[in-house]
Amino acid sequence: MRAENRDKLAEHLLKEGVEVLVREIIPNHKQPGLGLEHFNLPITEKITREKMRLPICSELKEEQVYYAAKKIKEFYFERSEKQGS
């Protein structure tokens, strides 16, 4: 998924017991040896910085999915509350 404040969200989810995977990914146009360094792709780079993975597998229980979604919503709600005060 893409997430604003990805690293803070990941930290929050991990603290709440939701496993996430955040990896620093080098966009294809920045990969050494491909000869694509001359491309200027700011949107691709932004998306790369926002990506994270949530647990997805057939063994997940519905309650676990709802719990993860609830924790994501709480994170953004708390941030919007702080910005509104």
N, C-alpha and C. Protein backbone atom coordinates (compact mmCIF):
# COMPACT_ATOMS: atom_id res chain seq x y z
N MET A 1 0.84 -1.17 0.00
CA MET A 1 0.00 0.00 0.00
C MET A 1 0.89 1.24 0.00
N ARG A 2 0.33 2.35 -0.44
CA ARG A 2 1.02 3.62 -0.34
C ARG A 2 0.52 4.33 0.90
N ALA A 3 1.43 5.00 1.59
CA ALA A 3 1.04 5.66 2.83
C ALA A 3 1.82 6.94 3.02
N GLU A 4 1.09 8.02 3.29
CA GLU A 4 1.75 9.24 3.74
C GLU A 4 2.34 8.94 5.10
N ASN A 5 3.49 9.50 5.38
CA ASN A 5 4.17 9.26 6.66
C ASN A 5 4.39 7.77 6.90
N ARG A 6 4.83 7.10 5.84
CA ARG A 6 5.00 5.65 5.85
C ARG A 6 5.78 5.14 7.05
N ASP A 7 6.91 5.75 7.33
CA ASP A 7 7.76 5.24 8.40
C ASP A 7 7.10 5.37 9.77
N LYS A 8 6.41 6.48 10.00
CA LYS A 8 5.71 6.66 11.28
C LYS A 8 4.53 5.70 11.38
N LEU A 9 3.83 5.50 10.28
CA LEU A 9 2.72 4.54 10.28
C LEU A 9 3.25 3.14 10.56
N ALA A 10 4.33 2.76 9.91
CA ALA A 10 4.92 1.43 10.13
C ALA A 10 5.31 1.26 11.60
N GLU A 11 5.91 2.28 12.17
CA GLU A 11 6.30 2.23 13.59
C GLU A 11 5.07 2.04 14.48
N HIS A 12 4.02 2.79 14.18
CA HIS A 12 2.76 2.69 14.94
C HIS A 12 2.18 1.28 14.83
N LEU A 13 2.12 0.76 13.61
CA LEU A 13 1.53 -0.57 13.41
C LEU A 13 2.33 -1.65 14.11
N LEU A 14 3.64 -1.57 14.02
CA LEU A 14 4.49 -2.56 14.70
C LEU A 14 4.26 -2.51 16.21
N LYS A 15 4.15 -1.30 16.74
CA LYS A 15 3.90 -1.13 18.17
C LYS A 15 2.55 -1.74 18.57
N GLU A 16 1.60 -1.70 17.64
CA GLU A 16 0.26 -2.24 17.90
C GLU A 16 0.14 -3.72 17.53
N GLY A 17 1.25 -4.34 17.13
CA GLY A 17 1.25 -5.77 16.84
C GLY A 17 0.88 -6.15 15.42
N VAL A 18 0.90 -5.18 14.51
CA VAL A 18 0.61 -5.46 13.10
C VAL A 18 1.93 -5.50 12.35
N GLU A 19 2.24 -6.65 11.77
CA GLU A 19 3.50 -6.78 11.04
C GLU A 19 3.42 -6.02 9.73
N VAL A 20 4.47 -5.29 9.42
CA VAL A 20 4.57 -4.58 8.15
C VAL A 20 5.98 -4.79 7.60
N LEU A 21 6.11 -4.59 6.32
CA LEU A 21 7.42 -4.67 5.69
C LEU A 21 7.67 -3.37 4.95
N VAL A 22 8.73 -2.70 5.35
CA VAL A 22 9.14 -1.46 4.69
C VAL A 22 10.56 -1.67 4.21
N ARG A 23 10.73 -1.57 2.92
CA ARG A 23 12.08 -1.72 2.35
C ARG A 23 12.38 -0.49 1.51
N GLU A 24 13.62 -0.10 1.57
CA GLU A 24 14.05 0.98 0.69
C GLU A 24 14.29 0.35 -0.68
N ILE A 25 13.50 0.76 -1.63
CA ILE A 25 13.58 0.20 -2.98
C ILE A 25 14.15 1.26 -3.90
N ILE A 26 15.06 0.85 -4.73
CA ILE A 26 15.63 1.76 -5.74
C ILE A 26 14.77 1.64 -6.99
N PRO A 27 14.19 2.76 -7.44
CA PRO A 27 13.38 2.69 -8.66
C PRO A 27 14.22 2.20 -9.84
N ASN A 28 13.57 1.57 -10.80
CA ASN A 28 14.29 1.00 -11.95
C ASN A 28 15.19 2.01 -12.64
N HIS A 29 14.71 3.23 -12.79
CA HIS A 29 15.51 4.22 -13.52
C HIS A 29 16.75 4.67 -12.73
N LYS A 30 16.85 4.27 -11.47
CA LYS A 30 18.03 4.59 -10.66
C LYS A 30 18.93 3.37 -10.44
N GLN A 31 18.51 2.21 -10.94
CA GLN A 31 19.30 1.00 -10.78
C GLN A 31 20.61 1.15 -11.56
N PRO A 32 21.73 0.89 -10.91
CA PRO A 32 23.00 1.00 -11.63
C PRO A 32 23.09 -0.04 -12.74
N GLY A 33 23.69 0.36 -13.82
CA GLY A 33 23.93 -0.58 -14.92
C GLY A 33 22.82 -0.65 -15.95
N LEU A 34 21.67 -0.04 -15.70
CA LEU A 34 20.59 -0.10 -16.67
C LEU A 34 20.64 1.05 -17.67
N GLY A 35 21.45 2.05 -17.37
CA GLY A 35 21.58 3.18 -18.28
C GLY A 35 20.36 4.08 -18.33
N LEU A 36 19.60 4.12 -17.26
CA LEU A 36 18.37 4.92 -17.25
C LEU A 36 18.46 6.13 -16.33
N GLU A 37 19.67 6.41 -15.83
CA GLU A 37 19.85 7.48 -14.85
C GLU A 37 19.42 8.85 -15.36
N HIS A 38 19.38 9.03 -16.66
CA HIS A 38 19.05 10.34 -17.23
C HIS A 38 17.56 10.67 -17.11
N PHE A 39 16.73 9.69 -16.77
CA PHE A 39 15.30 9.96 -16.62
C PHE A 39 15.03 10.70 -15.31
N ASN A 40 14.16 11.68 -15.38
CA ASN A 40 13.71 12.41 -14.20
C ASN A 40 12.27 11.97 -13.93
N LEU A 41 12.08 11.12 -12.93
CA LEU A 41 10.76 10.55 -12.64
C LEU A 41 10.38 10.80 -11.17
N PRO A 42 10.05 12.04 -10.83
CA PRO A 42 9.77 12.37 -9.44
C PRO A 42 8.55 11.64 -8.86
N ILE A 43 7.55 11.37 -9.68
CA ILE A 43 6.37 10.66 -9.17
C ILE A 43 6.73 9.23 -8.81
N THR A 44 7.51 8.58 -9.66
CA THR A 44 7.98 7.23 -9.38
C THR A 44 8.77 7.20 -8.08
N GLU A 45 9.63 8.18 -7.90
CA GLU A 45 10.45 8.24 -6.68
C GLU A 45 9.57 8.49 -5.45
N LYS A 46 8.55 9.32 -5.57
CA LYS A 46 7.63 9.58 -4.46
C LYS A 46 6.88 8.31 -4.08
N ILE A 47 6.36 7.61 -5.07
CA ILE A 47 5.63 6.37 -4.81
C ILE A 47 6.53 5.36 -4.12
N THR A 48 7.77 5.28 -4.56
CA THR A 48 8.73 4.34 -3.96
C THR A 48 8.92 4.65 -2.48
N ARG A 49 8.96 5.92 -2.12
CA ARG A 49 9.15 6.31 -0.72
C ARG A 49 7.91 6.06 0.13
N GLU A 50 6.75 5.89 -0.50
CA GLU A 50 5.50 5.72 0.23
C GLU A 50 5.06 4.27 0.38
N LYS A 51 5.75 3.35 -0.28
CA LYS A 51 5.30 1.96 -0.31
C LYS A 51 5.61 1.20 0.97
N MET A 52 4.65 0.37 1.37
CA MET A 52 4.86 -0.56 2.48
C MET A 52 3.96 -1.77 2.24
N ARG A 53 4.31 -2.86 2.88
CA ARG A 53 3.51 -4.08 2.73
C ARG A 53 2.85 -4.44 4.05
N LEU A 54 1.59 -4.81 3.93
CA LEU A 54 0.83 -5.30 5.07
C LEU A 54 0.73 -6.82 4.97
N PRO A 55 0.44 -7.48 6.09
CA PRO A 55 0.29 -8.93 6.01
C PRO A 55 -0.93 -9.31 5.18
N ILE A 56 -0.71 -10.17 4.21
CA ILE A 56 -1.80 -10.65 3.36
C ILE A 56 -1.55 -12.13 3.12
N CYS A 57 -2.44 -12.95 3.59
CA CYS A 57 -2.35 -14.38 3.31
C CYS A 57 -3.70 -15.01 3.61
N SER A 58 -3.90 -16.19 3.08
CA SER A 58 -5.20 -16.85 3.25
C SER A 58 -5.45 -17.27 4.69
N GLU A 59 -4.38 -17.35 5.50
CA GLU A 59 -4.54 -17.77 6.90
C GLU A 59 -4.98 -16.63 7.82
N LEU A 60 -4.96 -15.40 7.33
CA LEU A 60 -5.38 -14.28 8.17
C LEU A 60 -6.86 -14.40 8.51
N LYS A 61 -7.16 -14.15 9.75
CA LYS A 61 -8.56 -14.16 10.17
C LYS A 61 -9.16 -12.79 9.88
N GLU A 62 -10.46 -12.77 9.69
CA GLU A 62 -11.15 -11.53 9.39
C GLU A 62 -10.91 -10.49 10.48
N GLU A 63 -10.87 -10.95 11.73
CA GLU A 63 -10.64 -10.03 12.85
C GLU A 63 -9.27 -9.36 12.74
N GLN A 64 -8.28 -10.10 12.25
CA GLN A 64 -6.94 -9.54 12.09
C GLN A 64 -6.92 -8.46 11.02
N VAL A 65 -7.66 -8.69 9.95
CA VAL A 65 -7.74 -7.70 8.87
C VAL A 65 -8.40 -6.43 9.40
N TYR A 66 -9.51 -6.59 10.10
CA TYR A 66 -10.21 -5.43 10.66
C TYR A 66 -9.35 -4.71 11.69
N TYR A 67 -8.60 -5.46 12.48
CA TYR A 67 -7.72 -4.86 13.48
C TYR A 67 -6.67 -3.98 12.80
N ALA A 68 -6.04 -4.50 11.75
CA ALA A 68 -5.02 -3.73 11.03
C ALA A 68 -5.63 -2.47 10.43
N ALA A 69 -6.80 -2.61 9.81
CA ALA A 69 -7.47 -1.45 9.22
C ALA A 69 -7.82 -0.42 10.29
N LYS A 70 -8.28 -0.89 11.44
CA LYS A 70 -8.62 0.01 12.55
C LYS A 70 -7.39 0.78 13.02
N LYS A 71 -6.26 0.11 13.13
CA LYS A 71 -5.04 0.76 13.59
C LYS A 71 -4.54 1.79 12.58
N ILE A 72 -4.71 1.52 11.30
CA ILE A 72 -4.33 2.49 10.26
C ILE A 72 -5.22 3.72 10.37
N LYS A 73 -6.53 3.50 10.50
CA LYS A 73 -7.46 4.62 10.63
C LYS A 73 -7.15 5.45 11.88
N GLU A 74 -6.87 4.77 12.99
CA GLU A 74 -6.54 5.48 14.23
C GLU A 74 -5.32 6.37 14.04
N PHE A 75 -4.31 5.85 13.36
CA PHE A 75 -3.07 6.61 13.14
C PHE A 75 -3.38 7.91 12.41
N TYR A 76 -4.12 7.82 11.31
CA TYR A 76 -4.39 9.03 10.53
C TYR A 76 -5.38 9.95 11.25
N PHE A 77 -6.31 9.39 12.00
CA PHE A 77 -7.24 10.22 12.76
C PHE A 77 -6.49 11.02 13.82
N GLU A 78 -5.59 10.35 14.55
CA GLU A 78 -4.81 11.03 15.58
C GLU A 78 -3.96 12.14 14.98
N ARG A 79 -3.38 11.90 13.82
CA ARG A 79 -2.56 12.92 13.16
C ARG A 79 -3.42 14.11 12.75
N SER A 80 -4.60 13.84 12.21
CA SER A 80 -5.46 14.95 11.78
C SER A 80 -5.97 15.74 12.99
N GLU A 81 -6.22 15.05 14.10
CA GLU A 81 -6.64 15.73 15.32
C GLU A 81 -5.54 16.67 15.82
N LYS A 82 -4.30 16.20 15.80
CA LYS A 82 -3.17 17.02 16.26
C LYS A 82 -2.99 18.24 15.36
N GLN A 83 -3.19 18.05 14.06
CA GLN A 83 -3.01 19.17 13.13
C GLN A 83 -4.14 20.18 13.26
N GLY A 84 -5.32 19.70 13.66
CA GLY A 84 -6.48 20.58 13.80
C GLY A 84 -6.47 21.40 15.08
N SER A 85 -5.68 20.98 16.07
CA SER A 85 -5.67 21.71 17.35
C SER A 85 -4.77 22.90 17.32
